[in-house]
């Protein structure tokens, strides 16, 4: 009784050659690599006969043994007497290269938002002329954005609550324009200029110091 061991999945076989002491088969594996099997029979024949036939099949190519099978309990010289030799011809194919794992680039953190830069300049009563202190404040603001372009600027002018609105409204706009003109002459573009009259006071208009704080132009630069 022969022990038959499954070698390759999905194999089909046809007799390729035969002789008094052997049968040779061509096997076609699922991978398409030609595979052969030689069965040696007879009392005196063994693995050597199978190997000779294998070499004849492979010709000048090396015989690459895939599997040897001996009959159940059949030995020669204390070793299994192989009577079925399955082999392929030529050197073993190189293993497929292992694809390197794709390295995903770390997501880039969004650029931090830069806060606008602001300052406030103040004006004398009924005036829209920049004082020396006001120009110094604007120069200090421009110094902070010297190394980065300014994407836009907003200037809002205001008055205190004294006087009629028909005077305060254009006066607040003139104060905003005075600050805008100073910035424009120094390269700042995209200016948004507005006058708001006495609206949005930052201090109490009932006091002299409060009114002085409300006569102002608020300047905002966006890097």
Protein backbone atom coordinates (compact mmCIF):
# COMPACT_ATOMS: atom_id res chain seq x y z
CA UNK A 1 0.00 0.00 0.00
CA UNK A 2 1.40 3.37 -0.94
CA UNK A 3 1.16 6.51 1.22
CA UNK A 4 0.00 9.32 -1.03
CA UNK A 5 0.71 12.81 0.24
CA UNK A 6 -0.93 15.88 -1.30
CA UNK A 7 1.80 18.07 -2.78
CA UNK A 8 0.32 20.88 -4.81
CA UNK A 9 -3.19 22.26 -4.91
CA UNK A 10 -5.10 22.18 -8.17
CA UNK A 11 -2.65 19.85 -10.01
CA UNK A 12 -3.51 18.10 -13.22
CA UNK A 13 -1.34 15.25 -14.51
CA UNK A 14 -0.71 13.49 -17.79
CA UNK A 15 1.82 10.75 -18.58
CA UNK A 16 4.91 12.29 -20.08
CA UNK A 17 7.09 9.20 -20.47
CA UNK A 18 7.33 5.65 -19.19
CA UNK A 19 9.73 2.73 -19.13
CA UNK A 20 10.15 -0.70 -17.56
CA UNK A 21 11.19 0.78 -14.26
CA UNK A 22 9.54 4.21 -14.13
CA UNK A 23 6.63 6.37 -15.09
CA UNK A 24 7.09 10.14 -15.55
CA UNK A 25 4.38 12.74 -15.38
CA UNK A 26 4.11 16.42 -16.05
CA UNK A 27 2.19 18.33 -13.40
CA UNK A 28 0.85 21.82 -13.82
CA UNK A 29 0.50 23.78 -10.61
CA UNK A 30 -1.78 26.72 -9.89
CA UNK A 31 1.26 29.00 -10.08
CA UNK A 32 2.00 27.88 -13.64
CA UNK A 33 5.52 26.57 -12.85
CA UNK A 34 6.15 23.23 -14.68
CA UNK A 35 6.47 20.45 -12.11
CA UNK A 36 7.32 16.82 -12.81
CA UNK A 37 6.85 13.56 -10.98
CA UNK A 38 8.72 10.30 -11.55
CA UNK A 39 7.46 7.02 -10.08
CA UNK A 40 10.06 4.23 -9.85
CA UNK A 41 8.96 0.60 -9.53
CA UNK A 42 10.59 -2.78 -9.45
CA UNK A 43 12.33 -4.60 -6.65
CA UNK A 44 15.81 -3.21 -7.23
CA UNK A 45 14.92 0.27 -8.38
CA UNK A 46 14.81 3.14 -5.96
CA UNK A 47 15.44 6.85 -5.67
CA UNK A 48 18.55 6.70 -7.88
CA UNK A 49 16.46 5.60 -10.87
CA UNK A 50 14.02 8.42 -10.18
CA UNK A 51 16.89 10.91 -9.99
CA UNK A 52 18.35 9.70 -13.29
CA UNK A 53 15.04 10.14 -15.06
CA UNK A 54 14.58 13.54 -13.44
CA UNK A 55 17.96 14.69 -14.77
CA UNK A 56 17.06 13.48 -18.26
CA UNK A 57 13.87 15.52 -18.13
CA UNK A 58 15.65 18.65 -16.88
CA UNK A 59 18.55 18.28 -19.33
CA UNK A 60 21.20 20.92 -18.59
CA UNK A 61 19.17 22.44 -15.78
CA UNK A 62 19.53 21.46 -12.17
CA UNK A 63 16.96 19.16 -10.61
CA UNK A 64 15.20 20.90 -7.75
CA UNK A 65 13.49 18.33 -5.52
CA UNK A 66 10.08 19.36 -4.28
CA UNK A 67 9.14 16.12 -2.48
CA UNK A 68 10.05 12.44 -2.20
CA UNK A 69 7.56 9.79 -1.16
CA UNK A 70 8.35 6.27 0.02
CA UNK A 71 5.92 3.40 0.20
CA UNK A 72 4.50 2.66 3.61
CA UNK A 73 7.07 0.64 5.56
CA UNK A 74 9.43 0.46 2.55
CA UNK A 75 13.06 1.04 3.50
CA UNK A 76 16.49 0.43 2.07
CA UNK A 77 19.59 0.39 4.27
CA UNK A 78 17.52 1.54 7.21
CA UNK A 79 16.27 4.62 5.34
CA UNK A 80 13.02 5.29 3.56
CA UNK A 81 13.16 3.90 0.03
CA UNK A 82 11.68 6.77 -1.95
CA UNK A 83 9.84 5.64 -5.06
CA UNK A 84 8.07 8.88 -6.02
CA UNK A 85 10.10 11.99 -6.80
CA UNK A 86 8.41 15.33 -7.46
CA UNK A 87 10.69 18.03 -8.82
CA UNK A 88 11.10 21.17 -10.87
CA UNK A 89 13.91 22.17 -13.21
CA UNK A 90 16.26 25.10 -12.74
CA UNK A 91 17.07 27.32 -9.82
CA UNK A 92 14.33 28.28 -7.43
CA UNK A 93 12.61 31.53 -8.44
CA UNK A 94 13.64 34.55 -6.45
CA UNK A 95 11.14 35.41 -3.75
CA UNK A 96 8.90 38.33 -4.52
CA UNK A 97 10.27 41.50 -3.00
CA UNK A 98 8.51 42.61 0.12
CA UNK A 99 6.86 45.90 -0.56
CA UNK A 100 8.03 48.56 1.80
CA UNK A 101 5.31 49.82 4.04
CA UNK A 102 4.08 53.17 2.85
CA UNK A 103 5.10 55.90 5.22
CA UNK A 104 2.30 58.34 5.69
CA UNK A 105 3.39 61.88 6.04
CA UNK A 106 2.43 63.38 9.35
CA UNK A 107 -0.40 65.87 8.89
CA UNK A 108 0.87 69.39 9.00
CA UNK A 109 -0.50 71.53 11.74
CA UNK A 110 -2.38 74.57 10.45
CA UNK A 111 -0.42 77.77 10.60
CA UNK A 112 -1.22 79.67 13.79
CA UNK A 113 -3.42 82.68 13.31
CA UNK A 114 -1.62 85.94 13.89
CA UNK A 115 -3.55 88.38 16.05
CA UNK A 116 -4.08 91.86 14.60
CA UNK A 117 -1.86 94.63 15.92
CA UNK A 118 -3.65 97.66 17.33
CA UNK A 119 -3.00 101.11 18.68
CA UNK A 120 -5.02 104.23 19.47
CA UNK A 121 -4.09 107.83 18.69
CA UNK A 122 -5.78 110.83 20.32
CA UNK A 123 -6.64 114.31 19.05
CA UNK A 124 -7.10 117.78 20.47
CA UNK A 125 -10.57 119.28 20.69
CA UNK A 126 -12.05 120.01 17.25
CA UNK A 127 -8.79 118.88 15.60
CA UNK A 128 -7.94 116.11 13.09
CA UNK A 129 -4.18 116.67 12.99
CA UNK A 130 -1.79 113.99 14.23
CA UNK A 131 0.26 115.05 17.22
CA UNK A 132 3.87 114.03 17.72
CA UNK A 133 2.71 111.43 20.21
CA UNK A 134 0.17 110.06 17.69
CA UNK A 135 2.85 109.73 15.01
CA UNK A 136 5.15 107.96 17.47
CA UNK A 137 2.40 105.46 18.25
CA UNK A 138 1.84 104.75 14.56
CA UNK A 139 5.59 104.37 13.98
CA UNK A 140 5.79 101.84 16.83
CA UNK A 141 2.91 99.90 15.27
CA UNK A 142 4.60 99.86 11.86
CA UNK A 143 7.83 98.64 13.44
CA UNK A 144 6.03 95.51 14.67
CA UNK A 145 5.07 94.52 11.12
CA UNK A 146 8.28 95.57 9.39
CA UNK A 147 9.30 91.93 8.67
CA UNK A 148 5.83 90.79 7.54
CA UNK A 149 3.49 92.21 4.91
CA UNK A 150 0.27 93.82 6.06
CA UNK A 151 -2.80 92.20 4.48
CA UNK A 152 -5.16 94.95 5.53
CA UNK A 153 -5.78 97.82 7.90
CA UNK A 154 -8.82 99.31 9.58
CA UNK A 155 -9.03 102.81 11.05
CA UNK A 156 -12.09 103.98 13.01
CA UNK A 157 -12.38 107.65 14.02
CA UNK A 158 -14.41 109.01 16.96
CA UNK A 159 -15.28 112.25 18.77
CA UNK A 160 -16.45 113.08 22.25
CA UNK A 161 -20.11 113.89 22.84
CA UNK A 162 -19.79 117.68 22.84
CA UNK A 163 -21.12 119.51 19.79
CA UNK A 164 -23.75 118.55 17.22
CA UNK A 165 -23.61 115.34 15.20
CA UNK A 166 -23.39 117.28 11.91
CA UNK A 167 -19.96 118.44 13.05
CA UNK A 168 -18.82 115.35 14.96
CA UNK A 169 -19.55 112.89 12.16
CA UNK A 170 -17.23 114.47 9.54
CA UNK A 171 -14.70 115.29 12.26
CA UNK A 172 -14.47 111.62 13.26
CA UNK A 173 -13.98 110.66 9.60
CA UNK A 174 -11.24 113.30 9.22
CA UNK A 175 -9.40 111.86 12.23
CA UNK A 176 -9.54 108.37 10.73
CA UNK A 177 -8.31 109.76 7.39
CA UNK A 178 -5.37 111.50 9.08
CA UNK A 179 -4.16 108.20 10.54
CA UNK A 180 -4.83 106.37 7.25
CA UNK A 181 -2.85 108.95 5.26
CA UNK A 182 0.14 108.53 7.57
CA UNK A 183 0.06 104.74 7.14
CA UNK A 184 -0.48 104.92 3.37
CA UNK A 185 2.57 107.13 2.95
CA UNK A 186 4.58 104.38 4.64
CA UNK A 187 3.43 101.56 2.40
CA UNK A 188 0.29 100.24 4.07
CA UNK A 189 -2.46 99.36 1.60
CA UNK A 190 -6.00 97.92 1.75
CA UNK A 191 -7.15 100.57 4.20
CA UNK A 192 -10.70 100.56 5.55
CA UNK A 193 -11.50 103.99 6.98
CA UNK A 194 -14.67 104.92 8.88
CA UNK A 195 -15.92 107.77 11.04
CA UNK A 196 -18.40 107.01 13.81
CA UNK A 197 -19.00 110.39 15.45
CA UNK A 198 -19.50 110.18 19.24
CA UNK A 199 -20.56 106.53 19.23
CA UNK A 200 -18.78 103.79 21.21
CA UNK A 201 -17.11 105.95 23.86
CA UNK A 202 -14.35 104.29 25.87
CA UNK A 203 -14.56 106.71 28.78
CA UNK A 204 -17.06 108.99 30.54
CA UNK A 205 -17.83 112.05 28.42
CA UNK A 206 -18.89 113.94 31.56
CA UNK A 207 -15.26 114.33 32.58
CA UNK A 208 -12.47 116.22 30.84
CA UNK A 209 -10.12 113.22 30.87
CA UNK A 210 -12.89 110.96 29.58
CA UNK A 211 -13.61 113.27 26.64
CA UNK A 212 -9.89 113.36 25.82
CA UNK A 213 -9.82 109.55 25.59
CA UNK A 214 -12.87 109.53 23.31
CA UNK A 215 -11.33 111.94 20.77
CA UNK A 216 -9.45 109.16 19.04
CA UNK A 217 -8.75 106.92 16.06
CA UNK A 218 -8.44 103.18 16.63
CA UNK A 219 -5.95 101.55 14.24
CA UNK A 220 -5.78 97.82 13.48
CA UNK A 221 -3.19 96.19 11.20
CA UNK A 222 -3.67 92.60 10.01
CA UNK A 223 -0.39 90.80 9.13
